C-alpha atoms as a PDB file:
ATOM      1  CA  UNK A   1      86.459 109.294 100.670  1.00  0.00           C
ATOM      2  CA  UNK A   2      87.813 105.877  99.605  1.00  0.00           C
ATOM      3  CA  UNK A   3      90.898 106.104  97.552  1.00  0.00           C
ATOM      4  CA  UNK A   4      90.595 104.332  94.091  1.00  0.00           C
ATOM      5  CA  UNK A   5      93.301 101.529  93.804  1.00  0.00           C
ATOM      6  CA  UNK A   6      94.536 102.688  90.423  1.00  0.00           C
ATOM      7  CA  UNK A   7      95.471 105.947  91.959  1.00  0.00           C
ATOM      8  CA  UNK A   8      97.500 104.549  94.814  1.00  0.00           C
ATOM      9  CA  UNK A   9      99.095 101.554  93.158  1.00  0.00           C
ATOM     10  CA  UNK A  10     102.205 103.544  91.858  1.00  0.00           C
ATOM     11  CA  UNK A  11     102.818 104.881  95.354  1.00  0.00           C
ATOM     12  CA  UNK A  12     102.646 101.459  96.773  1.00  0.00           C
ATOM     13  CA  UNK A  13     105.051 100.073  94.223  1.00  0.00           C
ATOM     14  CA  UNK A  14     107.626 102.922  95.122  1.00  0.00           C
ATOM     15  CA  UNK A  15     107.135 102.218  98.939  1.00  0.00           C
ATOM     16  CA  UNK A  16     107.698  98.528  98.447  1.00  0.00           C
ATOM     17  CA  UNK A  17     110.914  99.102  96.694  1.00  0.00           C
ATOM     18  CA  UNK A  18     112.158 101.616  99.212  1.00  0.00           C
ATOM     19  CA  UNK A  19     111.165  99.677 102.354  1.00  0.00           C
ATOM     20  CA  UNK A  20     113.829  98.638 104.848  1.00  0.00           C
ATOM     21  CA  UNK A  21     113.078  97.095 108.215  1.00  0.00           C
ATOM     22  CA  UNK A  22     114.176  99.209 111.150  1.00  0.00           C
ATOM     23  CA  UNK A  23     117.585  97.648 112.233  1.00  0.00           C
ATOM     24  CA  UNK A  24     116.535  97.571 115.852  1.00  0.00           C
ATOM     25  CA  UNK A  25     113.510  95.371 114.915  1.00  0.00           C
ATOM     26  CA  UNK A  26     115.164  92.861 112.743  1.00  0.00           C
ATOM     27  CA  UNK A  27     115.519  90.058 115.296  1.00  0.00           C
ATOM     28  CA  UNK A  28     112.165  90.654 116.758  1.00  0.00           C
ATOM     29  CA  UNK A  29     110.553  90.465 113.303  1.00  0.00           C
ATOM     30  CA  UNK A  30     112.333  87.293 112.453  1.00  0.00           C
ATOM     31  CA  UNK A  31     111.205  85.677 115.754  1.00  0.00           C
ATOM     32  CA  UNK A  32     107.608  86.873 115.500  1.00  0.00           C
ATOM     33  CA  UNK A  33     107.297  85.796 111.880  1.00  0.00           C
ATOM     34  CA  UNK A  34     108.569  82.379 112.819  1.00  0.00           C
ATOM     35  CA  UNK A  35     105.818  82.071 115.512  1.00  0.00           C
ATOM     36  CA  UNK A  36     103.229  83.299 112.996  1.00  0.00           C
ATOM     37  CA  UNK A  37     104.333  80.760 110.373  1.00  0.00           C
ATOM     38  CA  UNK A  38     104.303  77.958 113.016  1.00  0.00           C
ATOM     39  CA  UNK A  39     100.846  78.765 114.279  1.00  0.00           C
ATOM     40  CA  UNK A  40      99.640  79.003 110.623  1.00  0.00           C
ATOM     41  CA  UNK A  41     101.081  75.572 109.856  1.00  0.00           C
ATOM     42  CA  UNK A  42      99.019  74.097 112.637  1.00  0.00           C
ATOM     43  CA  UNK A  43      95.970  75.263 110.663  1.00  0.00           C
ATOM     44  CA  UNK A  44      97.337  74.495 107.256  1.00  0.00           C
ATOM     45  CA  UNK A  45      94.285  72.715 106.012  1.00  0.00           C
ATOM     46  CA  UNK A  46      91.929  75.444 107.152  1.00  0.00           C
ATOM     47  CA  UNK A  47      94.134  78.061 105.319  1.00  0.00           C
ATOM     48  CA  UNK A  48      94.051  75.918 102.247  1.00  0.00           C
ATOM     49  CA  UNK A  49      90.221  76.026 102.289  1.00  0.00           C
ATOM     50  CA  UNK A  50      90.161  79.713 102.900  1.00  0.00           C
ATOM     51  CA  UNK A  51      92.396  80.465 100.005  1.00  0.00           C
ATOM     52  CA  UNK A  52      90.488  77.929  97.700  1.00  0.00           C
ATOM     53  CA  UNK A  53      87.076  79.435  98.577  1.00  0.00           C
ATOM     54  CA  UNK A  54      87.975  83.206  98.726  1.00  0.00           C
ATOM     55  CA  UNK A  55      91.081  83.645  96.648  1.00  0.00           C
ATOM     56  CA  UNK A  56      92.746  85.518  99.426  1.00  0.00           C
ATOM     57  CA  UNK A  57      96.473  84.440  99.678  1.00  0.00           C
ATOM     58  CA  UNK A  58      97.607  82.875 102.760  1.00  0.00           C
ATOM     59  CA  UNK A  59     100.490  85.359 103.019  1.00  0.00           C
ATOM     60  CA  UNK A  60      98.145  88.271 103.270  1.00  0.00           C
ATOM     61  CA  UNK A  61      95.854  86.340 105.599  1.00  0.00           C
ATOM     62  CA  UNK A  62      98.629  85.411 108.013  1.00  0.00           C
ATOM     63  CA  UNK A  63      99.850  89.001 108.248  1.00  0.00           C
ATOM     64  CA  UNK A  64      96.374  90.319 108.623  1.00  0.00           C
ATOM     65  CA  UNK A  65      95.376  87.969 111.293  1.00  0.00           C
ATOM     66  CA  UNK A  66      98.518  88.667 113.283  1.00  0.00           C
ATOM     67  CA  UNK A  67      97.861  92.236 113.060  1.00  0.00           C
ATOM     68  CA  UNK A  68      94.109  92.006 114.144  1.00  0.00           C
ATOM     69  CA  UNK A  69      94.256  89.151 116.654  1.00  0.00           C
ATOM     70  CA  UNK A  70      97.798  88.362 117.346  1.00  0.00           C
ATOM     71  CA  UNK A  71      97.475  84.983 115.557  1.00  0.00           C
ATOM     72  CA  UNK A  72      95.008  83.784 118.152  1.00  0.00           C
ATOM     73  CA  UNK A  73      93.143  81.016 116.321  1.00  0.00           C
ATOM     74  CA  UNK A  74      90.412  80.901 118.965  1.00  0.00           C
ATOM     75  CA  UNK A  75      89.292  84.339 117.612  1.00  0.00           C
ATOM     76  CA  UNK A  76      87.370  85.173 114.416  1.00  0.00           C
ATOM     77  CA  UNK A  77      89.084  87.396 111.856  1.00  0.00           C
ATOM     78  CA  UNK A  78      85.770  89.429 111.642  1.00  0.00           C
ATOM     79  CA  UNK A  79      86.008  91.208 114.949  1.00  0.00           C
ATOM     80  CA  UNK A  80      88.115  89.224 117.287  1.00  0.00           C
ATOM     81  CA  UNK A  81      85.401  87.411 119.190  1.00  0.00           C
ATOM     82  CA  UNK A  82      85.429  83.663 119.719  1.00  0.00           C
ATOM     83  CA  UNK A  83      84.308  81.912 116.540  1.00  0.00           C
ATOM     84  CA  UNK A  84      82.612  79.155 118.597  1.00  0.00           C
ATOM     85  CA  UNK A  85      80.118  81.569 120.010  1.00  0.00           C
ATOM     86  CA  UNK A  86      77.688  84.187 118.566  1.00  0.00           C
ATOM     87  CA  UNK A  87      79.764  87.481 118.219  1.00  0.00           C
ATOM     88  CA  UNK A  88      79.032  90.385 120.451  1.00  0.00           C
ATOM     89  CA  UNK A  89      81.135  92.973 118.708  1.00  0.00           C
ATOM     90  CA  UNK A  90      80.690  94.479 115.324  1.00  0.00           C
ATOM     91  CA  UNK A  91      79.780  92.639 113.133  1.00  0.00           C
ATOM     92  CA  UNK A  92      77.470  91.140 115.785  1.00  0.00           C
ATOM     93  CA  UNK A  93      75.369  88.082 115.613  1.00  0.00           C
ATOM     94  CA  UNK A  94      77.901  85.906 113.581  1.00  0.00           C
ATOM     95  CA  UNK A  95      78.620  82.309 114.426  1.00  0.00           C
ATOM     96  CA  UNK A  96      79.120  79.911 115.994  1.00  0.00           C
ATOM     97  CA  UNK A  97      81.137  78.222 113.264  1.00  0.00           C
ATOM     98  CA  UNK A  98      82.392  74.687 112.947  1.00  0.00           C
ATOM     99  CA  UNK A  99      86.147  75.874 112.921  1.00  0.00           C
ATOM    100  CA  UNK A 100      88.350  78.774 112.531  1.00  0.00           C
ATOM    101  CA  UNK A 101      88.587  78.325 108.774  1.00  0.00           C
ATOM    102  CA  UNK A 102      84.738  78.700 108.347  1.00  0.00           C
ATOM    103  CA  UNK A 103      84.802  81.894 110.482  1.00  0.00           C
ATOM    104  CA  UNK A 104      87.576  83.291 108.276  1.00  0.00           C
ATOM    105  CA  UNK A 105      85.781  82.533 105.106  1.00  0.00           C
ATOM    106  CA  UNK A 106      82.665  84.271 106.521  1.00  0.00           C
ATOM    107  CA  UNK A 107      84.716  87.331 107.603  1.00  0.00           C
ATOM    108  CA  UNK A 108      86.460  87.777 104.243  1.00  0.00           C
ATOM    109  CA  UNK A 109      83.075  87.759 102.486  1.00  0.00           C
ATOM    110  CA  UNK A 110      81.729  90.645 104.716  1.00  0.00           C
ATOM    111  CA  UNK A 111      84.473  92.890 103.496  1.00  0.00           C
ATOM    112  CA  UNK A 112      84.433  91.739  99.855  1.00  0.00           C
ATOM    113  CA  UNK A 113      87.904  90.365 100.057  1.00  0.00           C
ATOM    114  CA  UNK A 114      86.557  87.207  98.278  1.00  0.00           C
ATOM    115  CA  UNK A 115      85.723  89.346  95.343  1.00  0.00           C
ATOM    116  CA  UNK A 116      89.258  90.680  94.689  1.00  0.00           C
ATOM    117  CA  UNK A 117      90.100  87.509  92.629  1.00  0.00           C
ATOM    118  CA  UNK A 118      93.065  85.219  93.253  1.00  0.00           C
ATOM    119  CA  UNK A 119      94.980  86.473  90.072  1.00  0.00           C
ATOM    120  CA  UNK A 120      94.802  90.152  91.282  1.00  0.00           C
ATOM    121  CA  UNK A 121      96.560  89.696  94.602  1.00  0.00           C
ATOM    122  CA  UNK A 122      99.783  91.455  93.783  1.00  0.00           C
ATOM    123  CA  UNK A 123     101.979  93.157  96.284  1.00  0.00           C
ATOM    124  CA  UNK A 124     100.439  96.594  95.462  1.00  0.00           C
ATOM    125  CA  UNK A 125      96.902  95.080  95.770  1.00  0.00           C
ATOM    126  CA  UNK A 126      97.915  93.603  99.187  1.00  0.00           C
ATOM    127  CA  UNK A 127      98.898  97.073 100.363  1.00  0.00           C
ATOM    128  CA  UNK A 128      95.636  98.570  99.173  1.00  0.00           C
ATOM    129  CA  UNK A 129      93.460  95.909 100.657  1.00  0.00           C
ATOM    130  CA  UNK A 130      95.340  96.107 104.004  1.00  0.00           C
ATOM    131  CA  UNK A 131      95.031  99.895 104.078  1.00  0.00           C
ATOM    132  CA  UNK A 132      91.386  99.890 103.160  1.00  0.00           C
ATOM    133  CA  UNK A 133      90.717  97.245 105.810  1.00  0.00           C
ATOM    134  CA  UNK A 134      92.247  99.554 108.508  1.00  0.00           C
ATOM    135  CA  UNK A 135      91.277 102.932 107.017  1.00  0.00           C
ATOM    136  CA  UNK A 136      92.837 105.797 105.108  1.00  0.00           C
ATOM    137  CA  UNK A 137      92.679 108.279 107.986  1.00  0.00           C
ATOM    138  CA  UNK A 138      96.524 108.630 108.470  1.00  0.00           C
ATOM    139  CA  UNK A 139      96.744 110.020 104.880  1.00  0.00           C
ATOM    140  CA  UNK A 140      94.732 113.077 105.943  1.00  0.00           C
ATOM    141  CA  UNK A 141      97.490 113.670 108.523  1.00  0.00           C
ATOM    142  CA  UNK A 142     100.295 113.336 105.858  1.00  0.00           C
ATOM    143  CA  UNK A 143     101.565 109.942 107.312  1.00  0.00           C
ATOM    144  CA  UNK A 144     101.902 106.527 105.848  1.00  0.00           C
ATOM    145  CA  UNK A 145      99.834 104.020 107.963  1.00  0.00           C
ATOM    146  CA  UNK A 146     101.566 101.977 110.669  1.00  0.00           C
ATOM    147  CA  UNK A 147      99.120  99.196 109.932  1.00  0.00           C
ATOM    148  CA  UNK A 148     101.070  98.511 106.801  1.00  0.00           C
ATOM    149  CA  UNK A 149     104.477 100.028 107.408  1.00  0.00           C
ATOM    150  CA  UNK A 150     105.322  99.911 111.104  1.00  0.00           C
ATOM    151  CA  UNK A 151     108.869  98.686 111.905  1.00  0.00           C
ATOM    152  CA  UNK A 152     110.115 100.125 108.661  1.00  0.00           C
ATOM    153  CA  UNK A 153     111.681 103.340 107.300  1.00  0.00           C
ATOM    154  CA  UNK A 154     108.337 104.126 105.578  1.00  0.00           C
ATOM    155  CA  UNK A 155     106.492 104.730 108.892  1.00  0.00           C
ATOM    156  CA  UNK A 156     107.292 107.891 110.707  1.00  0.00           C
ATOM    157  CA  UNK A 157     104.796 107.753 113.527  1.00  0.00           C
ATOM    158  CA  UNK A 158     101.214 108.836 114.111  1.00  0.00           C
ATOM    159  CA  UNK A 159      98.311 106.681 115.253  1.00  0.00           C
ATOM    160  CA  UNK A 160      94.662 106.956 116.142  1.00  0.00           C
ATOM    161  CA  UNK A 161      94.596 106.502 119.927  1.00  0.00           C
ATOM    162  CA  UNK A 162      90.804 106.595 120.157  1.00  0.00           C
ATOM    163  CA  UNK A 163      87.833 106.969 117.902  1.00  0.00           C
ATOM    164  CA  UNK A 164      88.448 110.151 115.981  1.00  0.00           C
ATOM    165  CA  UNK A 165      91.536 111.107 117.978  1.00  0.00           C
ATOM    166  CA  UNK A 166      94.826 111.189 116.005  1.00  0.00           C
ATOM    167  CA  UNK A 167      98.118 111.547 117.887  1.00  0.00           C
ATOM    168  CA  UNK A 168     101.043 112.524 115.637  1.00  0.00           C
ATOM    169  CA  UNK A 169     103.509 111.632 118.438  1.00  0.00           C
ATOM    170  CA  UNK A 170     102.283 108.160 119.140  1.00  0.00           C
ATOM    171  CA  UNK A 171     104.112 105.264 117.477  1.00  0.00           C
ATOM    172  CA  UNK A 172     102.396 102.052 116.409  1.00  0.00           C
ATOM    173  CA  UNK A 173     104.164  99.305 118.327  1.00  0.00           C
ATOM    174  CA  UNK A 174     102.851  96.322 116.294  1.00  0.00           C
ATOM    175  CA  UNK A 175     104.636  95.089 113.256  1.00  0.00           C
ATOM    176  CA  UNK A 176     103.147  96.401 110.015  1.00  0.00           C
ATOM    177  CA  UNK A 177     101.601  93.898 107.588  1.00  0.00           C
ATOM    178  CA  UNK A 178     104.180  94.470 104.799  1.00  0.00           C
ATOM    179  CA  UNK A 179     107.319  93.679 106.707  1.00  0.00           C
ATOM    180  CA  UNK A 180     105.571  90.685 108.283  1.00  0.00           C
ATOM    181  CA  UNK A 181     104.632  89.481 104.796  1.00  0.00           C
ATOM    182  CA  UNK A 182     108.094  89.999 103.455  1.00  0.00           C
ATOM    183  CA  UNK A 183     109.617  88.046 106.414  1.00  0.00           C
ATOM    184  CA  UNK A 184     107.082  85.300 106.101  1.00  0.00           C
ATOM    185  CA  UNK A 185     107.975  84.871 102.447  1.00  0.00           C
ATOM    186  CA  UNK A 186     111.536  84.664 103.353  1.00  0.00           C
ATOM    187  CA  UNK A 187     110.744  81.740 105.666  1.00  0.00           C
ATOM    188  CA  UNK A 188     108.447  79.961 103.132  1.00  0.00           C
ATOM    189  CA  UNK A 189     108.655  80.514  99.436  1.00  0.00           C
ATOM    190  CA  UNK A 190     105.413  78.601  98.914  1.00  0.00           C
ATOM    191  CA  UNK A 191     103.580  81.706 100.352  1.00  0.00           C
ATOM    192  CA  UNK A 192     104.554  83.833  97.206  1.00  0.00           C
ATOM    193  CA  UNK A 193     102.028  86.104  95.642  1.00  0.00           C
ATOM    194  CA  UNK A 194     101.410  86.267  91.960  1.00  0.00           C
ATOM    195  CA  UNK A 195     104.350  88.872  91.557  1.00  0.00           C
ATOM    196  CA  UNK A 196     107.696  89.250  93.232  1.00  0.00           C
ATOM    197  CA  UNK A 197     108.494  91.577  96.061  1.00  0.00           C
ATOM    198  CA  UNK A 198     110.413  94.486  94.634  1.00  0.00           C
ATOM    199  CA  UNK A 199     112.598  95.085  97.671  1.00  0.00           C
ATOM    200  CA  UNK A 200     114.159  91.584  97.314  1.00  0.00           C
ATOM    201  CA  UNK A 201     116.240  92.920  94.425  1.00  0.00           C
ATOM    202  CA  UNK A 202     117.261  96.116  96.196  1.00  0.00           C
ATOM    203  CA  UNK A 203     120.635  96.880  98.065  1.00  0.00           C
ATOM    204  CA  UNK A 204     120.457  96.393 101.920  1.00  0.00           C
ATOM    205  CA  UNK A 205     121.271 100.013 102.735  1.00  0.00           C
ATOM    206  CA  UNK A 206     118.412 102.197 104.166  1.00  0.00           C
ATOM    207  CA  UNK A 207     116.527 104.265 101.736  1.00  0.00           C
ATOM    208  CA  UNK A 208     117.057 108.034 102.021  1.00  0.00           C
ATOM    209  CA  UNK A 209     114.192 110.154 103.124  1.00  0.00           C
ATOM    210  CA  UNK A 210     113.762 111.450  99.517  1.00  0.00           C
ATOM    211  CA  UNK A 211     113.066 107.910  98.270  1.00  0.00           C
ATOM    212  CA  UNK A 212     109.838 107.860 100.256  1.00  0.00           C
ATOM    213  CA  UNK A 213     107.007 109.674  98.689  1.00  0.00           C
ATOM    214  CA  UNK A 214     104.612 111.652 100.810  1.00  0.00           C
ATOM    215  CA  UNK A 215     101.126 109.997 100.998  1.00  0.00           C
ATOM    216  CA  UNK A 216      98.264 111.583  99.225  1.00  0.00           C
ATOM    217  CA  UNK A 217      97.106 113.929 102.015  1.00  0.00           C
ATOM    218  CA  UNK A 218      93.860 114.932 100.354  1.00  0.00           C
ATOM    219  CA  UNK A 219      91.518 111.956  99.743  1.00  0.00           C
ATOM    220  CA  UNK A 220      91.199 111.033  96.116  1.00  0.00           C
ATOM    221  CA  UNK A 221      87.381 110.998  96.063  1.00  0.00           C
ATOM    222  CA  UNK A 222      85.064 109.300  93.676  1.00  0.00           C
ATOM    223  CA  UNK A 223      82.020 111.342  94.447  1.00  0.00           C
ATOM    224  CA  UNK A 224      82.983 114.974  94.722  1.00  0.00           C
ATOM    225  CA  UNK A 225      82.947 117.339  97.761  1.00  0.00           C
ATOM    226  CA  UNK A 226      80.129 117.655 100.326  1.00  0.00           C
ATOM    227  CA  UNK A 227      77.752 120.603 100.131  1.00  0.00           C
ATOM    228  CA  UNK A 228      79.351 123.600 101.924  1.00  0.00           C
ATOM    229  CA  UNK A 229      82.910 122.084 101.513  1.00  0.00           C
ATOM    230  CA  UNK A 230      84.834 120.372 104.185  1.00  0.00           C
ATOM    231  CA  UNK A 231      86.113 116.711 104.276  1.00  0.00           C
ATOM    232  CA  UNK A 232      83.937 114.444 102.317  1.00  0.00           C
ATOM    233  CA  UNK A 233      84.520 111.321 104.484  1.00  0.00           C
ATOM    234  CA  UNK A 234      83.625 113.133 107.695  1.00  0.00           C
ATOM    235  CA  UNK A 235      80.482 114.468 106.041  1.00  0.00           C
ATOM    236  CA  UNK A 236      79.630 110.970 104.801  1.00  0.00           C
ATOM    237  CA  UNK A 237      80.085 109.361 108.159  1.00  0.00           C
ATOM    238  CA  UNK A 238      77.936 111.964 109.884  1.00  0.00           C
ATOM    239  CA  UNK A 239      75.198 111.713 107.156  1.00  0.00           C
ATOM    240  CA  UNK A 240      75.066 107.882 107.592  1.00  0.00           C
ATOM    241  CA  UNK A 241      74.812 108.300 111.299  1.00  0.00           C
ATOM    242  CA  UNK A 242      71.995 110.843 110.941  1.00  0.00           C
ATOM    243  CA  UNK A 243      70.179 108.424 108.724  1.00  0.00           C
ATOM    244  CA  UNK A 244      70.498 105.578 111.411  1.00  0.00           C
ATOM    245  CA  UNK A 245      73.708 103.769 110.619  1.00  0.00           C
ATOM    246  CA  UNK A 246      73.916 100.774 112.854  1.00  0.00           C
ATOM    247  CA  UNK A 247      76.238 100.618 114.582  1.00  0.00           C
ATOM    248  CA  UNK A 248      76.973 104.383 114.548  1.00  0.00           C
ATOM    249  CA  UNK A 249      80.249 105.366 112.790  1.00  0.00           C
ATOM    250  CA  UNK A 250      83.134 107.178 114.298  1.00  0.00           C
ATOM    251  CA  UNK A 251      83.255 110.529 112.641  1.00  0.00           C
ATOM    252  CA  UNK A 252      86.960 110.486 112.149  1.00  0.00           C
ATOM    253  CA  UNK A 253      87.426 111.145 108.495  1.00  0.00           C
ATOM    254  CA  UNK A 254      89.042 107.589 108.000  1.00  0.00           C
ATOM    255  CA  UNK A 255      87.423 105.558 105.239  1.00  0.00           C
ATOM    256  CA  UNK A 256      87.849 101.974 106.495  1.00  0.00           C
ATOM    257  CA  UNK A 257      86.130  98.776 106.772  1.00  0.00           C
ATOM    258  CA  UNK A 258      83.285 100.108 109.132  1.00  0.00           C
ATOM    259  CA  UNK A 259      82.443 103.063 106.824  1.00  0.00           C
ATOM    260  CA  UNK A 260      82.588 100.856 103.766  1.00  0.00           C
ATOM    261  CA  UNK A 261      80.225  98.303 105.370  1.00  0.00           C
ATOM    262  CA  UNK A 262      77.813 101.202 106.292  1.00  0.00           C
ATOM    263  CA  UNK A 263      77.932 102.602 102.594  1.00  0.00           C
ATOM    264  CA  UNK A 264      77.272  99.029 101.401  1.00  0.00           C
ATOM    265  CA  UNK A 265      74.290  98.634 103.628  1.00  0.00           C
ATOM    266  CA  UNK A 266      72.963 102.043 102.662  1.00  0.00           C
ATOM    267  CA  UNK A 267      73.334 101.294  98.888  1.00  0.00           C
ATOM    268  CA  UNK A 268      71.605  97.889  99.262  1.00  0.00           C
ATOM    269  CA  UNK A 269      68.760  99.523 101.055  1.00  0.00           C
ATOM    270  CA  UNK A 270      68.314 102.155  98.369  1.00  0.00           C
ATOM    271  CA  UNK A 271      68.579 100.253  95.131  1.00  0.00           C
ATOM    272  CA  UNK A 272      72.263 101.184  94.420  1.00  0.00           C
ATOM    273  CA  UNK A 273      75.095  98.794  93.599  1.00  0.00           C
ATOM    274  CA  UNK A 274      76.563  97.822  96.993  1.00  0.00           C
ATOM    275  CA  UNK A 275      80.201  98.320  96.152  1.00  0.00           C
ATOM    276  CA  UNK A 276      81.118 100.285  99.245  1.00  0.00           C
ATOM    277  CA  UNK A 277      82.267 103.267  97.018  1.00  0.00           C
ATOM    278  CA  UNK A 278      80.430 106.436  97.813  1.00  0.00           C
ATOM    279  CA  UNK A 279      80.248 107.793  94.341  1.00  0.00           C
ATOM    280  CA  UNK A 280      77.867 110.434  92.829  1.00  0.00           C
ATOM    281  CA  UNK A 281      74.768 108.463  93.029  1.00  0.00           C
ATOM    282  CA  UNK A 282      75.289 107.435  96.612  1.00  0.00           C
ATOM    283  CA  UNK A 283      76.093 110.894  97.776  1.00  0.00           C
ATOM    284  CA  UNK A 284      73.104 112.235  95.884  1.00  0.00           C
ATOM    285  CA  UNK A 285      70.847 109.704  97.516  1.00  0.00           C
ATOM    286  CA  UNK A 286      72.199 110.728 100.930  1.00  0.00           C
ATOM    287  CA  UNK A 287      71.669 114.361 100.335  1.00  0.00           C
ATOM    288  CA  UNK A 288      68.075 113.733  99.170  1.00  0.00           C
ATOM    289  CA  UNK A 289      67.270 111.726 102.301  1.00  0.00           C
ATOM    290  CA  UNK A 290      68.825 114.306 104.562  1.00  0.00           C
ATOM    291  CA  UNK A 291      66.827 117.090 102.865  1.00  0.00           C
ATOM    292  CA  UNK A 292      63.612 115.052 103.231  1.00  0.00           C
ATOM    293  CA  UNK A 293      64.284 114.391 106.876  1.00  0.00           C
ATOM    294  CA  UNK A 294      65.101 117.954 107.762  1.00  0.00           C
END
């Protein structure tokens, strides 16, 4: 189940303060961040429009787009397809757009990033929205996600290597969003969020293992447990598939953007508030429909 932000925010604050870049990656991070920044500057006006219309800070957007598409501005942030053509991958049927900025604005609206609100984009919020975007699955395996923390002491390995297939020995080779954001901020102070980055005031020595809290391994649900027990997110994904989710979801127990989109579509179709949170009303509606169809 999706984890509520207020539950995870203290954990993120602790991780931000404890984070240290892996010494062997420092030069690589600096070089890649410089390239990301330079590419972003070529699209400065588009980024300005994205931020003005969505409230999503450019710092988060630059790191997210690097993570998703390698900062390839011929691609849409929605799914990596070309923005000047109709998209083939989920979400399908989008575009073409007038430019990359228009595609980015549309993409952020799909996942409700434009509803977070500019004053709310703190560092802990940035962590939450990044993890939600990719999915909470690594928590079920007792690991901090590489999507946020790869190339730092926070990340200890583990990665989904295919839909529903977790490999605890595989290491994410991409730079995580948070070290990328920290390095981009070091390069350009104008990218600052509404609050300061806690690690900037910390000594440079690596944090000890005890300074890094274990992630919540049991999802902090907002809707209770499925009938018969088991993992509520896996049950939710299977139930949505049984009721015709399009496209079908990977039943992997990772509550991320695709599951959230499917939940919002279900809620909108059944007179519920389409917030993407599978709370008691949403789960009850799912159970009722499954009973009727059995």
